[in-house]
Amino acid sequence: MTKNQIPLWEVFIRPRNGLAHKHCGSVHAADEVMALQAARDVYTRRGEGTSIWVVPSAAITASDPENKDENFEPALTKVYRHPTFYEIPDEVGHM
């Protein structure tokens, strides 16, 4: 990034009826306070969110989709990581 560029921030919103934040887009802002304000103005105009996260795009590291087999194949052999065969009691609520 050059000296005169405004940083790019990734925006994550937690919807009113959701449990997790979801990526909804990006904004340019000089700092985190301005990024939050811009994200609020752009992505929550109808009051649909309960929480906003902004993360500098430069701080995000992603895996390469071409390496999906080596990244995710080993988990398929460990069925205990995805216990779909357990019954969850109603008292537990969301898991």
PDB file of N, CA and C in Angstrom:
ATOM      1  N   MET A   1       0.854  -1.178   0.000  1.00  0.00           N
ATOM      2  CA  MET A   1       0.000   0.000   0.000  1.00  0.00           C
ATOM      3  C   MET A   1       0.898   1.239   0.000  1.00  0.00           C
ATOM      4  N   THR A   2       0.550   2.173  -0.831  1.00  0.00           N
ATOM      5  CA  THR A   2       1.318   3.407  -0.875  1.00  0.00           C
ATOM      6  C   THR A   2       0.868   4.340   0.237  1.00  0.00           C
ATOM      7  N   LYS A   3       1.662   5.365   0.438  1.00  0.00           N
ATOM      8  CA  LYS A   3       1.428   6.302   1.539  1.00  0.00           C
ATOM      9  C   LYS A   3       0.069   6.994   1.462  1.00  0.00           C
ATOM     10  N   ASN A   4      -0.439   7.251   0.274  1.00  0.00           N
ATOM     11  CA  ASN A   4      -1.677   8.012   0.116  1.00  0.00           C
ATOM     12  C   ASN A   4      -2.932   7.145   0.007  1.00  0.00           C
ATOM     13  N   GLN A   5      -2.792   5.823   0.072  1.00  0.00           N
ATOM     14  CA  GLN A   5      -3.964   4.956  -0.028  1.00  0.00           C
ATOM     15  C   GLN A   5      -4.674   4.832   1.314  1.00  0.00           C
ATOM     16  N   ILE A   6      -5.989   4.804   1.246  1.00  0.00           N
ATOM     17  CA  ILE A   6      -6.794   4.596   2.449  1.00  0.00           C
ATOM     18  C   ILE A   6      -6.958   3.084   2.622  1.00  0.00           C
ATOM     19  N   PRO A   7      -6.704   2.552   3.825  1.00  0.00           N
ATOM     20  CA  PRO A   7      -6.781   1.099   4.038  1.00  0.00           C
ATOM     21  C   PRO A   7      -8.170   0.521   3.751  1.00  0.00           C
ATOM     22  N   LEU A   8      -8.173  -0.737   3.326  1.00  0.00           N
ATOM     23  CA  LEU A   8      -9.401  -1.480   3.074  1.00  0.00           C
ATOM     24  C   LEU A   8      -9.711  -2.334   4.298  1.00  0.00           C
ATOM     25  N   TRP A   9     -10.959  -2.339   4.727  1.00  0.00           N
ATOM     26  CA  TRP A   9     -11.419  -3.086   5.899  1.00  0.00           C
ATOM     27  C   TRP A   9     -12.514  -4.053   5.466  1.00  0.00           C
ATOM     28  N   GLU A  10     -12.464  -5.278   5.970  1.00  0.00           N
ATOM     29  CA  GLU A  10     -13.521  -6.259   5.724  1.00  0.00           C
ATOM     30  C   GLU A  10     -14.555  -6.110   6.827  1.00  0.00           C
ATOM     31  N   VAL A  11     -15.819  -6.191   6.451  1.00  0.00           N
ATOM     32  CA  VAL A  11     -16.919  -5.944   7.379  1.00  0.00           C
ATOM     33  C   VAL A  11     -17.692  -7.243   7.632  1.00  0.00           C
ATOM     34  N   PHE A  12     -17.926  -7.522   8.911  1.00  0.00           N
ATOM     35  CA  PHE A  12     -18.698  -8.685   9.334  1.00  0.00           C
ATOM     36  C   PHE A  12     -19.840  -8.188  10.216  1.00  0.00           C
ATOM     37  N   ILE A  13     -21.058  -8.637   9.917  1.00  0.00           N
ATOM     38  CA  ILE A  13     -22.244  -8.207  10.662  1.00  0.00           C
ATOM     39  C   ILE A  13     -22.875  -9.430  11.318  1.00  0.00           C
ATOM     40  N   ARG A  14     -23.282  -9.262  12.564  1.00  0.00           N
ATOM     41  CA  ARG A  14     -24.065 -10.307  13.236  1.00  0.00           C
ATOM     42  C   ARG A  14     -25.523  -9.903  13.117  1.00  0.00           C
ATOM     43  N   PRO A  15     -26.317 -10.701  12.387  1.00  0.00           N
ATOM     44  CA  PRO A  15     -27.735 -10.349  12.229  1.00  0.00           C
ATOM     45  C   PRO A  15     -28.514 -10.531  13.524  1.00  0.00           C
ATOM     46  N   ARG A  16     -29.660  -9.915  13.600  1.00  0.00           N
ATOM     47  CA  ARG A  16     -30.494  -9.988  14.811  1.00  0.00           C
ATOM     48  C   ARG A  16     -30.858 -11.424  15.166  1.00  0.00           C
ATOM     49  N   ASN A  17     -31.140 -12.228  14.168  1.00  0.00           N
ATOM     50  CA  ASN A  17     -31.574 -13.593  14.449  1.00  0.00           C
ATOM     51  C   ASN A  17     -30.444 -14.609  14.282  1.00  0.00           C
ATOM     52  N   GLY A  18     -29.218 -14.151  14.155  1.00  0.00           N
ATOM     53  CA  GLY A  18     -28.108 -15.068  13.944  1.00  0.00           C
ATOM     54  C   GLY A  18     -27.215 -15.200  15.152  1.00  0.00           C
ATOM     55  N   LEU A  19     -26.382 -16.223  15.123  1.00  0.00           N
ATOM     56  CA  LEU A  19     -25.454 -16.458  16.215  1.00  0.00           C
ATOM     57  C   LEU A  19     -24.028 -16.105  15.835  1.00  0.00           C
ATOM     58  N   ALA A  20     -23.763 -15.968  14.547  1.00  0.00           N
ATOM     59  CA  ALA A  20     -22.399 -15.728  14.089  1.00  0.00           C
ATOM     60  C   ALA A  20     -22.343 -14.505  13.170  1.00  0.00           C
ATOM     61  N   HIS A  21     -21.206 -13.851  13.171  1.00  0.00           N
ATOM     62  CA  HIS A  21     -20.983 -12.745  12.247  1.00  0.00           C
ATOM     63  C   HIS A  21     -20.788 -13.305  10.845  1.00  0.00           C
ATOM     64  N   LYS A  22     -21.266 -12.571   9.835  1.00  0.00           N
ATOM     65  CA  LYS A  22     -21.114 -12.985   8.442  1.00  0.00           C
ATOM     66  C   LYS A  22     -20.479 -11.849   7.653  1.00  0.00           C
ATOM     67  N   HIS A  23     -19.580 -12.228   6.749  1.00  0.00           N
ATOM     68  CA  HIS A  23     -18.926 -11.223   5.916  1.00  0.00           C
ATOM     69  C   HIS A  23     -19.961 -10.619   4.985  1.00  0.00           C
ATOM     70  N   CYS A  24     -20.004  -9.290   4.934  1.00  0.00           N
ATOM     71  CA  CYS A  24     -20.991  -8.650   4.070  1.00  0.00           C
ATOM     72  C   CYS A  24     -20.366  -7.678   3.075  1.00  0.00           C
ATOM     73  N   GLY A  25     -19.073  -7.404   3.198  1.00  0.00           N
ATOM     74  CA  GLY A  25     -18.444  -6.516   2.236  1.00  0.00           C
ATOM     75  C   GLY A  25     -17.207  -5.842   2.789  1.00  0.00           C
ATOM     76  N   SER A  26     -16.825  -4.757   2.136  1.00  0.00           N
ATOM     77  CA  SER A  26     -15.603  -4.029   2.490  1.00  0.00           C
ATOM     78  C   SER A  26     -15.860  -2.528   2.474  1.00  0.00           C
ATOM     79  N   VAL A  27     -15.056  -1.804   3.238  1.00  0.00           N
ATOM     80  CA  VAL A  27     -15.085  -0.337   3.222  1.00  0.00           C
ATOM     81  C   VAL A  27     -13.653   0.183   3.270  1.00  0.00           C
ATOM     82  N   HIS A  28     -13.464   1.372   2.752  1.00  0.00           N
ATOM     83  CA  HIS A  28     -12.178   2.065   2.876  1.00  0.00           C
ATOM     84  C   HIS A  28     -12.317   3.063   4.016  1.00  0.00           C
ATOM     85  N   ALA A  29     -11.348   3.082   4.930  1.00  0.00           N
ATOM     86  CA  ALA A  29     -11.376   4.025   6.055  1.00  0.00           C
ATOM     87  C   ALA A  29      -9.967   4.211   6.599  1.00  0.00           C
ATOM     88  N   ALA A  30      -9.721   5.375   7.172  1.00  0.00           N
ATOM     89  CA  ALA A  30      -8.389   5.705   7.683  1.00  0.00           C
ATOM     90  C   ALA A  30      -8.036   4.937   8.954  1.00  0.00           C
ATOM     91  N   ASP A  31      -9.053   4.611   9.790  1.00  0.00           N
ATOM     92  CA  ASP A  31      -8.788   3.874  11.036  1.00  0.00           C
ATOM     93  C   ASP A  31     -10.008   3.036  11.391  1.00  0.00           C
ATOM     94  N   GLU A  32      -9.892   2.292  12.506  1.00  0.00           N
ATOM     95  CA  GLU A  32     -10.968   1.365  12.876  1.00  0.00           C
ATOM     96  C   GLU A  32     -12.254   2.070  13.269  1.00  0.00           C
ATOM     97  N   VAL A  33     -12.162   3.253  13.855  1.00  0.00           N
ATOM     98  CA  VAL A  33     -13.365   3.989  14.244  1.00  0.00           C
ATOM     99  C   VAL A  33     -14.132   4.424  12.998  1.00  0.00           C
ATOM    100  N   MET A  34     -13.421   4.971  12.038  1.00  0.00           N
ATOM    101  CA  MET A  34     -14.072   5.380  10.792  1.00  0.00           C
ATOM    102  C   MET A  34     -14.586   4.174  10.017  1.00  0.00           C
ATOM    103  N   ALA A  35     -13.870   3.052  10.099  1.00  0.00           N
ATOM    104  CA  ALA A  35     -14.322   1.834   9.423  1.00  0.00           C
ATOM    105  C   ALA A  35     -15.643   1.350  10.018  1.00  0.00           C
ATOM    106  N   LEU A  36     -15.753   1.374  11.351  1.00  0.00           N
ATOM    107  CA  LEU A  36     -17.017   0.990  11.992  1.00  0.00           C
ATOM    108  C   LEU A  36     -18.159   1.911  11.583  1.00  0.00           C
ATOM    109  N   GLN A  37     -17.894   3.208  11.536  1.00  0.00           N
ATOM    110  CA  GLN A  37     -18.925   4.162  11.137  1.00  0.00           C
ATOM    111  C   GLN A  37     -19.351   3.944   9.692  1.00  0.00           C
ATOM    112  N   ALA A  38     -18.376   3.730   8.815  1.00  0.00           N
ATOM    113  CA  ALA A  38     -18.696   3.493   7.404  1.00  0.00           C
ATOM    114  C   ALA A  38     -19.466   2.187   7.241  1.00  0.00           C
ATOM    115  N   ALA A  39     -19.047   1.158   7.955  1.00  0.00           N
ATOM    116  CA  ALA A  39     -19.734  -0.135   7.875  1.00  0.00           C
ATOM    117  C   ALA A  39     -21.174  -0.003   8.353  1.00  0.00           C
ATOM    118  N   ARG A  40     -21.376   0.719   9.437  1.00  0.00           N
ATOM    119  CA  ARG A  40     -22.733   0.938   9.953  1.00  0.00           C
ATOM    120  C   ARG A  40     -23.592   1.665   8.920  1.00  0.00           C
ATOM    121  N   ASP A  41     -23.031   2.715   8.322  1.00  0.00           N
ATOM    122  CA  ASP A  41     -23.781   3.509   7.351  1.00  0.00           C
ATOM    123  C   ASP A  41     -24.098   2.725   6.078  1.00  0.00           C
ATOM    124  N   VAL A  42     -23.180   1.881   5.648  1.00  0.00           N
ATOM    125  CA  VAL A  42     -23.357   1.166   4.379  1.00  0.00           C
ATOM    126  C   VAL A  42     -24.137  -0.135   4.540  1.00  0.00           C
ATOM    127  N   TYR A  43     -23.850  -0.888   5.597  1.00  0.00           N
ATOM    128  CA  TYR A  43     -24.380  -2.248   5.690  1.00  0.00           C
ATOM    129  C   TYR A  43     -25.494  -2.464   6.710  1.00  0.00           C
ATOM    130  N   THR A  44     -25.825  -1.469   7.511  1.00  0.00           N
ATOM    131  CA  THR A  44     -26.912  -1.663   8.488  1.00  0.00           C
ATOM    132  C   THR A  44     -27.919  -0.520   8.419  1.00  0.00           C
ATOM    133  N   ARG A  45     -28.250  -0.087   7.233  1.00  0.00           N
ATOM    134  CA  ARG A  45     -29.176   1.033   7.074  1.00  0.00           C
ATOM    135  C   ARG A  45     -30.581   0.731   7.591  1.00  0.00           C
ATOM    136  N   ARG A  46     -30.976  -0.530   7.542  1.00  0.00           N
ATOM    137  CA  ARG A  46     -32.319  -0.901   7.980  1.00  0.00           C
ATOM    138  C   ARG A  46     -32.310  -1.492   9.386  1.00  0.00           C
ATOM    139  N   GLY A  47     -31.227  -1.328  10.120  1.00  0.00           N
ATOM    140  CA  GLY A  47     -31.154  -1.809  11.493  1.00  0.00           C
ATOM    141  C   GLY A  47     -31.133  -3.317  11.623  1.00  0.00           C
ATOM    142  N   GLU A  48     -30.605  -4.007  10.615  1.00  0.00           N
ATOM    143  CA  GLU A  48     -30.655  -5.468  10.640  1.00  0.00           C
ATOM    144  C   GLU A  48     -29.556  -6.127  11.462  1.00  0.00           C
ATOM    145  N   GLY A  49     -28.597  -5.372  11.962  1.00  0.00           N
ATOM    146  CA  GLY A  49     -27.493  -5.981  12.691  1.00  0.00           C
ATOM    147  C   GLY A  49     -27.528  -5.713  14.176  1.00  0.00           C
ATOM    148  N   THR A  50     -26.821  -6.563  14.941  1.00  0.00           N
ATOM    149  CA  THR A  50     -26.682  -6.334  16.378  1.00  0.00           C
ATOM    150  C   THR A  50     -25.229  -6.072  16.752  1.00  0.00           C
ATOM    151  N   SER A  51     -24.302  -6.395  15.842  1.00  0.00           N
ATOM    152  CA  SER A  51     -22.883  -6.210  16.122  1.00  0.00           C
ATOM    153  C   SER A  51     -22.128  -6.108  14.800  1.00  0.00           C
ATOM    154  N   ILE A  52     -21.075  -5.302  14.792  1.00  0.00           N
ATOM    155  CA  ILE A  52     -20.245  -5.127  13.595  1.00  0.00           C
ATOM    156  C   ILE A  52     -18.798  -5.392  13.963  1.00  0.00           C
ATOM    157  N   TRP A  53     -18.123  -6.161  13.132  1.00  0.00           N
ATOM    158  CA  TRP A  53     -16.672  -6.330  13.230  1.00  0.00           C
ATOM    159  C   TRP A  53     -16.058  -5.737  11.978  1.00  0.00           C
ATOM    160  N   VAL A  54     -14.939  -5.026  12.123  1.00  0.00           N
ATOM    161  CA  VAL A  54     -14.143  -4.597  10.982  1.00  0.00           C
ATOM    162  C   VAL A  54     -12.717  -5.100  11.185  1.00  0.00           C
ATOM    163  N   VAL A  55     -12.144  -5.633  10.119  1.00  0.00           N
ATOM    164  CA  VAL A  55     -10.812  -6.217  10.173  1.00  0.00           C
ATOM    165  C   VAL A  55     -10.013  -5.671   8.992  1.00  0.00           C
ATOM    166  N   PRO A  56      -8.777  -5.208   9.229  1.00  0.00           N
ATOM    167  CA  PRO A  56      -7.978  -4.749   8.086  1.00  0.00           C
ATOM    168  C   PRO A  56      -7.799  -5.895   7.086  1.00  0.00           C
ATOM    169  N   SER A  57      -8.082  -5.634   5.835  1.00  0.00           N
ATOM    170  CA  SER A  57      -7.949  -6.673   4.809  1.00  0.00           C
ATOM    171  C   SER A  57      -6.543  -7.245   4.788  1.00  0.00           C
ATOM    172  N   ALA A  58      -5.557  -6.412   5.043  1.00  0.00           N
ATOM    173  CA  ALA A  58      -4.160  -6.858   5.020  1.00  0.00           C
ATOM    174  C   ALA A  58      -3.863  -7.870   6.129  1.00  0.00           C
ATOM    175  N   ALA A  59      -4.713  -7.934   7.161  1.00  0.00           N
ATOM    176  CA  ALA A  59      -4.482  -8.849   8.278  1.00  0.00           C
ATOM    177  C   ALA A  59      -5.097 -10.229   8.050  1.00  0.00           C
ATOM    178  N   ILE A  60      -5.823 -10.402   6.953  1.00  0.00           N
ATOM    179  CA  ILE A  60      -6.480 -11.680   6.688  1.00  0.00           C
ATOM    180  C   ILE A  60      -5.581 -12.549   5.821  1.00  0.00           C
ATOM    181  N   THR A  61      -5.419 -13.784   6.265  1.00  0.00           N
ATOM    182  CA  THR A  61      -4.666 -14.779   5.503  1.00  0.00           C
ATOM    183  C   THR A  61      -5.628 -15.892   5.148  1.00  0.00           C
ATOM    184  N   ALA A  62      -5.654 -16.279   3.883  1.00  0.00           N
ATOM    185  CA  ALA A  62      -6.593 -17.299   3.434  1.00  0.00           C
ATOM    186  C   ALA A  62      -5.849 -18.477   2.822  1.00  0.00           C
ATOM    187  N   SER A  63      -6.469 -19.635   2.916  1.00  0.00           N
ATOM    188  CA  SER A  63      -5.896 -20.810   2.265  1.00  0.00           C
ATOM    189  C   SER A  63      -6.192 -20.749   0.775  1.00  0.00           C
ATOM    190  N   ASP A  64      -5.420 -21.467   0.012  1.00  0.00           N
ATOM    191  CA  ASP A  64      -5.596 -21.537  -1.438  1.00  0.00           C
ATOM    192  C   ASP A  64      -6.620 -22.623  -1.746  1.00  0.00           C
ATOM    193  N   PRO A  65      -7.694 -22.309  -2.472  1.00  0.00           N
ATOM    194  CA  PRO A  65      -8.696 -23.327  -2.793  1.00  0.00           C
ATOM    195  C   PRO A  65      -8.108 -24.536  -3.524  1.00  0.00           C
ATOM    196  N   GLU A  66      -7.008 -24.358  -4.211  1.00  0.00           N
ATOM    197  CA  GLU A  66      -6.380 -25.484  -4.907  1.00  0.00           C
ATOM    198  C   GLU A  66      -5.796 -26.500  -3.919  1.00  0.00           C
ATOM    199  N   ASN A  67      -5.564 -26.091  -2.673  1.00  0.00           N
ATOM    200  CA  ASN A  67      -5.021 -26.991  -1.651  1.00  0.00           C
ATOM    201  C   ASN A  67      -6.103 -27.578  -0.758  1.00  0.00           C
ATOM    202  N   LYS A  68      -7.347 -27.564  -1.216  1.00  0.00           N
ATOM    203  CA  LYS A  68      -8.450 -28.008  -0.352  1.00  0.00           C
ATOM    204  C   LYS A  68      -8.306 -29.456   0.078  1.00  0.00           C
ATOM    205  N   ASP A  69      -7.788 -30.312  -0.788  1.00  0.00           N
ATOM    206  CA  ASP A  69      -7.652 -31.721  -0.407  1.00  0.00           C
ATOM    207  C   ASP A  69      -6.703 -31.898   0.767  1.00  0.00           C
ATOM    208  N   GLU A  70      -5.546 -31.285   0.701  1.00  0.00           N
ATOM    209  CA  GLU A  70      -4.587 -31.442   1.800  1.00  0.00           C
ATOM    210  C   GLU A  70      -5.026 -30.706   3.058  1.00  0.00           C
ATOM    211  N   ASN A  71      -5.828 -29.646   2.915  1.00  0.00           N
ATOM    212  CA  ASN A  71      -6.293 -28.903   4.088  1.00  0.00           C
ATOM    213  C   ASN A  71      -7.476 -29.567   4.789  1.00  0.00           C
ATOM    214  N   PHE A  72      -8.358 -30.201   4.017  1.00  0.00           N
ATOM    215  CA  PHE A  72      -9.611 -30.671   4.601  1.00  0.00           C
ATOM    216  C   PHE A  72      -9.818 -32.178   4.541  1.00  0.00           C
ATOM    217  N   GLU A  73      -9.082 -32.872   3.745  1.00  0.00           N
ATOM    218  CA  GLU A  73      -9.241 -34.322   3.644  1.00  0.00           C
ATOM    219  C   GLU A  73      -8.986 -35.047   4.968  1.00  0.00           C
ATOM    220  N   PRO A  74      -7.953 -34.707   5.724  1.00  0.00           N
ATOM    221  CA  PRO A  74      -7.703 -35.440   6.969  1.00  0.00           C
ATOM    222  C   PRO A  74      -8.882 -35.408   7.951  1.00  0.00           C
ATOM    223  N   ALA A  75      -9.652 -34.358   7.957  1.00  0.00           N
ATOM    224  CA  ALA A  75     -10.775 -34.252   8.888  1.00  0.00           C
ATOM    225  C   ALA A  75     -11.862 -35.268   8.578  1.00  0.00           C
ATOM    226  N   LEU A  76     -11.959 -35.713   7.341  1.00  0.00           N
ATOM    227  CA  LEU A  76     -12.993 -36.675   6.975  1.00  0.00           C
ATOM    228  C   LEU A  76     -12.773 -38.029   7.640  1.00  0.00           C
ATOM    229  N   THR A  77     -11.542 -38.327   8.017  1.00  0.00           N
ATOM    230  CA  THR A  77     -11.255 -39.608   8.654  1.00  0.00           C
ATOM    231  C   THR A  77     -11.487 -39.555  10.160  1.00  0.00           C
ATOM    232  N   LYS A  78     -11.843 -38.400  10.679  1.00  0.00           N
ATOM    233  CA  LYS A  78     -12.054 -38.234  12.120  1.00  0.00           C
ATOM    234  C   LYS A  78     -13.521 -37.887  12.363  1.00  0.00           C
ATOM    235  N   VAL A  79     -14.363 -38.912  12.319  1.00  0.00           N
ATOM    236  CA  VAL A  79     -15.803 -38.678  12.408  1.00  0.00           C
ATOM    237  C   VAL A  79     -16.221 -38.029  13.725  1.00  0.00           C
ATOM    238  N   TYR A  80     -15.411 -38.194  14.763  1.00  0.00           N
ATOM    239  CA  TYR A  80     -15.765 -37.606  16.053  1.00  0.00           C
ATOM    240  C   TYR A  80     -15.743 -36.085  16.019  1.00  0.00           C
ATOM    241  N   ARG A  81     -15.132 -35.489  15.004  1.00  0.00           N
ATOM    242  CA  ARG A  81     -15.118 -34.027  14.909  1.00  0.00           C
ATOM    243  C   ARG A  81     -16.467 -33.483  14.444  1.00  0.00           C
ATOM    244  N   HIS A  82     -17.257 -34.320  13.844  1.00  0.00           N
ATOM    245  CA  HIS A  82     -18.583 -33.925  13.368  1.00  0.00           C
ATOM    246  C   HIS A  82     -19.598 -34.919  13.932  1.00  0.00           C
ATOM    247  N   PRO A  83     -19.943 -34.776  15.209  1.00  0.00           N
ATOM    248  CA  PRO A  83     -20.798 -35.775  15.866  1.00  0.00           C
ATOM    249  C   PRO A  83     -22.267 -35.642  15.473  1.00  0.00           C
ATOM    250  N   THR A  84     -22.553 -35.967  14.233  1.00  0.00           N
ATOM    251  CA  THR A  84     -23.934 -35.865  13.756  1.00  0.00           C
ATOM    252  C   THR A  84     -24.799 -37.001  14.259  1.00  0.00           C
ATOM    253  N   PHE A  85     -24.208 -38.005  14.879  1.00  0.00           N
ATOM    254  CA  PHE A  85     -24.965 -39.155  15.341  1.00  0.00           C
ATOM    255  C   PHE A  85     -25.407 -39.023  16.799  1.00  0.00           C
ATOM    256  N   TYR A  86     -25.106 -37.884  17.451  1.00  0.00           N
ATOM    257  CA  TYR A  86     -25.548 -37.644  18.821  1.00  0.00           C
ATOM    258  C   TYR A  86     -26.873 -36.895  18.799  1.00  0.00           C
ATOM    259  N   GLU A  87     -27.709 -37.203  19.757  1.00  0.00           N
ATOM    260  CA  GLU A  87     -28.940 -36.432  19.920  1.00  0.00           C
ATOM    261  C   GLU A  87     -28.694 -35.353  20.961  1.00  0.00           C
ATOM    262  N   ILE A  88     -29.025 -34.124  20.633  1.00  0.00           N
ATOM    263  CA  ILE A  88     -28.811 -32.993  21.538  1.00  0.00           C
ATOM    264  C   ILE A  88     -30.118 -32.715  22.277  1.00  0.00           C
ATOM    265  N   PRO A  89     -30.085 -32.710  23.600  1.00  0.00           N
ATOM    266  CA  PRO A  89     -31.305 -32.419  24.365  1.00  0.00           C
ATOM    267  C   PRO A  89     -31.827 -31.014  24.068  1.00  0.00           C
ATOM    268  N   ASP A  90     -33.125 -30.836  24.118  1.00  0.00           N
ATOM    269  CA  ASP A  90     -33.732 -29.535  23.848  1.00  0.00           C
ATOM    270  C   ASP A  90     -33.250 -28.448  24.799  1.00  0.00           C
ATOM    271  N   GLU A  91     -32.883 -28.825  26.044  1.00  0.00           N
ATOM    272  CA  GLU A  91     -32.428 -27.856  27.033  1.00  0.00           C
ATOM    273  C   GLU A  91     -31.115 -27.195  26.635  1.00  0.00           C
ATOM    274  N   VAL A  92     -30.341 -27.840  25.784  1.00  0.00           N
ATOM    275  CA  VAL A  92     -29.042 -27.308  25.393  1.00  0.00           C
ATOM    276  C   VAL A  92     -29.190 -26.082  24.520  1.00  0.00           C
ATOM    277  N   GLY A  93     -30.214 -26.043  23.682  1.00  0.00           N
ATOM    278  CA  GLY A  93     -30.415 -24.898  22.807  1.00  0.00           C
ATOM    279  C   GLY A  93     -29.504 -24.954  21.601  1.00  0.00           C
ATOM    280  N   HIS A  94     -28.973 -23.814  21.206  1.00  0.00           N
ATOM    281  CA  HIS A  94     -28.129 -23.732  20.005  1.00  0.00           C
ATOM    282  C   HIS A  94     -26.740 -24.257  20.281  1.00  0.00           C
ATOM    283  N   MET A  95     -26.234 -25.043  19.368  1.00  0.00           N
ATOM    284  CA  MET A  95     -24.853 -25.530  19.463  1.00  0.00           C
ATOM    285  C   MET A  95     -24.145 -25.295  18.181  1.00  0.00           C
TER     286      MET A  95
END
